[in-house]
Every structure is written in structure tokens, then in C-alpha cells.
C-alpha atoms as a PDB file:
ATOM      1  CA  MET A   1       0.352  -0.116   0.286  1.00  0.00           C
ATOM      2  CA  ILE A   2       0.868   3.285  -0.814  1.00  0.00           C
ATOM      3  CA  ARG A   3       0.597   6.150   1.713  1.00  0.00           C
ATOM      4  CA  ILE A   4       0.601   9.640   0.275  1.00  0.00           C
ATOM      5  CA  LEU A   5       2.904  12.126   2.718  1.00  0.00           C
ATOM      6  CA  SER A   6       0.369  15.063   3.817  1.00  0.00           C
ATOM      7  CA  PHE A   7       3.267  17.293   3.784  1.00  0.00           C
ATOM      8  CA  LEU A   8       3.984  17.395   0.229  1.00  0.00           C
ATOM      9  CA  PRO A   9       2.537  20.328  -2.424  1.00  0.00           C
ATOM     10  CA  GLN A  10      -0.474  18.940  -4.328  1.00  0.00           C
ATOM     11  CA  LEU A  11       1.360  19.970  -7.873  1.00  0.00           C
ATOM     12  CA  SER A  12      -0.736  20.102 -10.808  1.00  0.00           C
ATOM     13  CA  PRO A  13      -0.079  20.034 -14.203  1.00  0.00           C
ATOM     14  CA  PRO A  14       1.718  22.373 -16.867  1.00  0.00           C
ATOM     15  CA  ALA A  15      -0.636  24.935 -18.941  1.00  0.00           C
ATOM     16  CA  PRO A  16      -0.118  24.002 -22.414  1.00  0.00           C
ATOM     17  CA  LEU A  17       2.321  26.444 -24.064  1.00  0.00           C
ATOM     18  CA  GLY A  18       0.691  29.739 -25.578  1.00  0.00           C
ATOM     19  CA  SER A  19      -2.423  29.386 -22.722  1.00  0.00           C
ATOM     20  CA  SER A  20      -2.838  31.892 -19.832  1.00  0.00           C
ATOM     21  CA  SER A  21      -3.177  30.732 -16.741  1.00  0.00           C
ATOM     22  CA  LYS A  22      -6.199  33.567 -16.338  1.00  0.00           C
ATOM     23  CA  GLY A  23      -7.880  31.163 -18.992  1.00  0.00           C
ATOM     24  CA  GLY A  24     -10.163  32.773 -21.711  1.00  0.00           C
ATOM     25  CA  ASN A  25      -9.096  33.733 -24.815  1.00  0.00           C
ATOM     26  CA  GLN A  26      -6.703  36.764 -24.815  1.00  0.00           C
ATOM     27  CA  ALA A  27      -6.139  39.260 -27.708  1.00  0.00           C
ATOM     28  CA  GLY A  28      -2.231  39.583 -28.523  1.00  0.00           C
ATOM     29  CA  PRO A  29       0.221  37.989 -29.193  1.00  0.00           C
ATOM     30  CA  VAL A  30       1.518  34.425 -27.557  1.00  0.00           C
ATOM     31  CA  ARG A  31       4.812  34.451 -26.375  1.00  0.00           C
ATOM     32  CA  ARG A  32       7.097  31.432 -27.348  1.00  0.00           C
ATOM     33  CA  GLU A  33       8.896  29.089 -24.813  1.00  0.00           C
ATOM     34  CA  LYS A  34      12.876  30.374 -24.756  1.00  0.00           C
ATOM     35  CA  MET A  35      13.610  27.616 -26.105  1.00  0.00           C
ATOM     36  CA  SER A  36      11.331  27.582 -29.203  1.00  0.00           C
ATOM     37  CA  ALA A  37      12.214  27.611 -32.765  1.00  0.00           C
ATOM     38  CA  PRO A  38      11.710  31.146 -34.807  1.00  0.00           C
ATOM     39  CA  THR A  39       8.614  30.650 -37.291  1.00  0.00           C
ATOM     40  CA  MET A  40      10.108  31.418 -41.305  1.00  0.00           C
ATOM     41  CA  GLU A  41       8.601  34.338 -40.501  1.00  0.00           C
ATOM     42  CA  GLU A  42      10.632  35.264 -37.484  1.00  0.00           C
ATOM     43  CA  ARG A  43      13.636  33.787 -39.227  1.00  0.00           C
ATOM     44  CA  LYS A  44      13.341  36.004 -42.509  1.00  0.00           C
ATOM     45  CA  ALA A  45      13.069  39.651 -40.428  1.00  0.00           C
ATOM     46  CA  CYS A  46      16.443  38.360 -38.139  1.00  0.00           C
ATOM     47  CA  TRP A  47      17.996  38.022 -41.279  1.00  0.00           C
ATOM     48  CA  GLY A  48      16.839  40.865 -42.850  1.00  0.00           C
ATOM     49  CA  ALA A  49      17.771  42.683 -39.834  1.00  0.00           C
ATOM     50  CA  ARG A  50      21.152  41.512 -39.391  1.00  0.00           C
ATOM     51  CA  ASP A  51      21.634  42.482 -43.372  1.00  0.00           C
ATOM     52  CA  GLU A  52      20.900  45.829 -43.009  1.00  0.00           C
ATOM     53  CA  PHE A  53      23.198  46.140 -39.764  1.00  0.00           C
ATOM     54  CA  TRP A  54      26.323  44.569 -41.565  1.00  0.00           C
ATOM     55  CA  GLN A  55      25.303  47.228 -44.790  1.00  0.00           C
ATOM     56  CA  CYS A  56      25.832  50.141 -42.657  1.00  0.00           C
ATOM     57  CA  LEU A  57      28.686  48.412 -40.677  1.00  0.00           C
ATOM     58  CA  ASP A  58      30.352  48.265 -44.298  1.00  0.00           C
ATOM     59  CA  ARG A  59      29.207  51.722 -45.568  1.00  0.00           C
ATOM     60  CA  HIS A  60      30.718  53.662 -42.136  1.00  0.00           C
ATOM     61  CA  GLY A  61      33.435  51.558 -41.823  1.00  0.00           C
ATOM     62  CA  GLU A  62      32.502  49.453 -38.897  1.00  0.00           C
ATOM     63  CA  ASP A  63      31.344  52.502 -36.640  1.00  0.00           C
ATOM     64  CA  GLY A  64      29.119  51.244 -34.557  1.00  0.00           C
ATOM     65  CA  SER A  65      28.033  53.860 -32.973  1.00  0.00           C
ATOM     66  CA  LYS A  66      26.477  55.092 -36.731  1.00  0.00           C
ATOM     67  CA  CYS A  67      24.397  51.862 -36.775  1.00  0.00           C
ATOM     68  CA  ALA A  68      23.061  52.125 -32.910  1.00  0.00           C
ATOM     69  CA  GLU A  69      19.769  52.084 -34.164  1.00  0.00           C
ATOM     70  CA  LEU A  70      19.798  49.080 -36.855  1.00  0.00           C
ATOM     71  CA  ARG A  71      21.630  47.214 -33.862  1.00  0.00           C
ATOM     72  CA  ARG A  72      18.593  47.326 -31.787  1.00  0.00           C
ATOM     73  CA  GLY A  73      16.650  46.101 -34.228  1.00  0.00           C
ATOM     74  CA  PHE A  74      18.973  43.110 -35.200  1.00  0.00           C
ATOM     75  CA  GLU A  75      19.028  42.607 -31.333  1.00  0.00           C
ATOM     76  CA  GLY A  76      15.233  42.567 -31.173  1.00  0.00           C
ATOM     77  CA  ARG A  77      14.945  40.569 -34.081  1.00  0.00           C
ATOM     78  CA  CYS A  78      17.153  37.693 -33.488  1.00  0.00           C
ATOM     79  CA  PRO A  79      16.995  35.239 -30.601  1.00  0.00           C
ATOM     80  CA  GLN A  80      20.045  36.207 -28.288  1.00  0.00           C
ATOM     81  CA  GLN A  81      22.297  32.789 -29.493  1.00  0.00           C
ATOM     82  CA  TRP A  82      21.782  33.849 -33.024  1.00  0.00           C
ATOM     83  CA  VAL A  83      23.550  37.066 -32.480  1.00  0.00           C
ATOM     84  CA  LYS A  84      25.891  36.229 -30.827  1.00  0.00           C
ATOM     85  CA  TYR A  85      26.414  33.408 -33.997  1.00  0.00           C
ATOM     86  CA  PHE A  86      26.163  35.959 -36.546  1.00  0.00           C
ATOM     87  CA  ASP A  87      28.665  38.678 -34.779  1.00  0.00           C
ATOM     88  CA  LYS A  88      31.660  35.696 -34.373  1.00  0.00           C
ATOM     89  CA  ARG A  89      30.696  35.205 -37.524  1.00  0.00           C
ATOM     90  CA  ARG A  90      31.106  38.378 -39.268  1.00  0.00           C
ATOM     91  CA  ASP A  91      33.956  38.359 -37.485  1.00  0.00           C
ATOM     92  CA  PHE A  92      35.348  35.201 -38.970  1.00  0.00           C
ATOM     93  CA  LEU A  93      34.268  36.664 -42.408  1.00  0.00           C
ATOM     94  CA  LYS A  94      36.138  39.761 -42.327  1.00  0.00           C
ATOM     95  CA  TYR A  95      39.501  37.773 -40.910  1.00  0.00           C
ATOM     96  CA  LYS A  96      39.103  35.047 -43.368  1.00  0.00           C
ATOM     97  CA  LYS A  97      38.779  38.324 -46.937  1.00  0.00           C
ATOM     98  CA  LYS A  98      41.825  39.855 -45.002  1.00  0.00           C
ATOM     99  CA  LEU A  99      43.926  36.235 -45.231  1.00  0.00           C
ATOM    100  CA  GLU A 100      42.794  36.322 -48.934  1.00  0.00           C
ATOM    101  CA  THR A 101      43.866  39.685 -50.083  1.00  0.00           C
ATOM    102  CA  GLU A 102      46.945  39.781 -47.835  1.00  0.00           C
ATOM    103  CA  GLY A 103      47.892  36.412 -47.215  1.00  0.00           C
ATOM    104  CA  TYR A 104      49.012  34.557 -44.288  1.00  0.00           C
ATOM    105  CA  GLY A 105      52.577  36.495 -42.416  1.00  0.00           C
ATOM    106  CA  PRO A 106      54.134  33.734 -39.917  1.00  0.00           C
ATOM    107  CA  PRO A 107      54.463  35.647 -36.962  1.00  0.00           C
ATOM    108  CA  GLU A 108      58.157  36.896 -36.552  1.00  0.00           C
ATOM    109  CA  ALA A 109      59.682  34.682 -33.761  1.00  0.00           C
ATOM    110  CA  ALA A 110      60.839  36.386 -30.791  1.00  0.00           C
ATOM    111  CA  GLY A 111      63.565  34.850 -29.877  1.00  0.00           C
ATOM    112  CA  LYS A 112      65.476  32.757 -32.453  1.00  0.00           C
ATOM    113  CA  SER A 113      68.801  30.540 -31.304  1.00  0.00           C
END
């Protein structure tokens, strides 16, 4: 026989995603959970914001202060992990372009023996 411990709180099952604990149909957008995948429209909006921001940086010689508004739009339309990835991706692409145009030169050895 199983005895239920009375001091344990009674737990109710979690509400379905997108539902409200207040009940009823509410107007307005449903907030997604952190880990859910973006929809096609959200992905396109993110990529468009990224492209606009990167074009601004290209036009202004990497002066981020002139592109602050576009940066906020980029961060607002993309998941945080995507922003981090795209920032690293841009740095990598700039480095790769530099290697292709200037070539690779090994660093000078400090103390040759």
C-alpha cells in the first residue's frame, strides 16, 4: 500500500504552451518559450535585420555608433544565441577576406636560436 505524504504540496500539471493561467481568449501575441524554434517569418525578419546592420557597418567603416538603431533592431528580431553567432561569423568573414587579400605571414619569432 502506498501512503501519500500529506506535507508534500499538491502539484497541478503545467498549462499548455501559449495558454494563460487566467483563462479565456486573450487578444495579442502569444509569447514563445525560450527554446522554441523561430517561425519562417521570424527567421526572415532576423536575417533581414542582420543584413541591414551589416550593410550599415560596411558603409560606415565598422563605426557601430552610427548603426546603433539597426543593431537594436537586429538584437530585437533575433534570438540571443543567433546574435552571438552572427557577430562571430562576421568577425570570421572579415578575417578570411583579409587573409585572401593580404595573404598569411607567419609572426616574427621573438628569439631565434
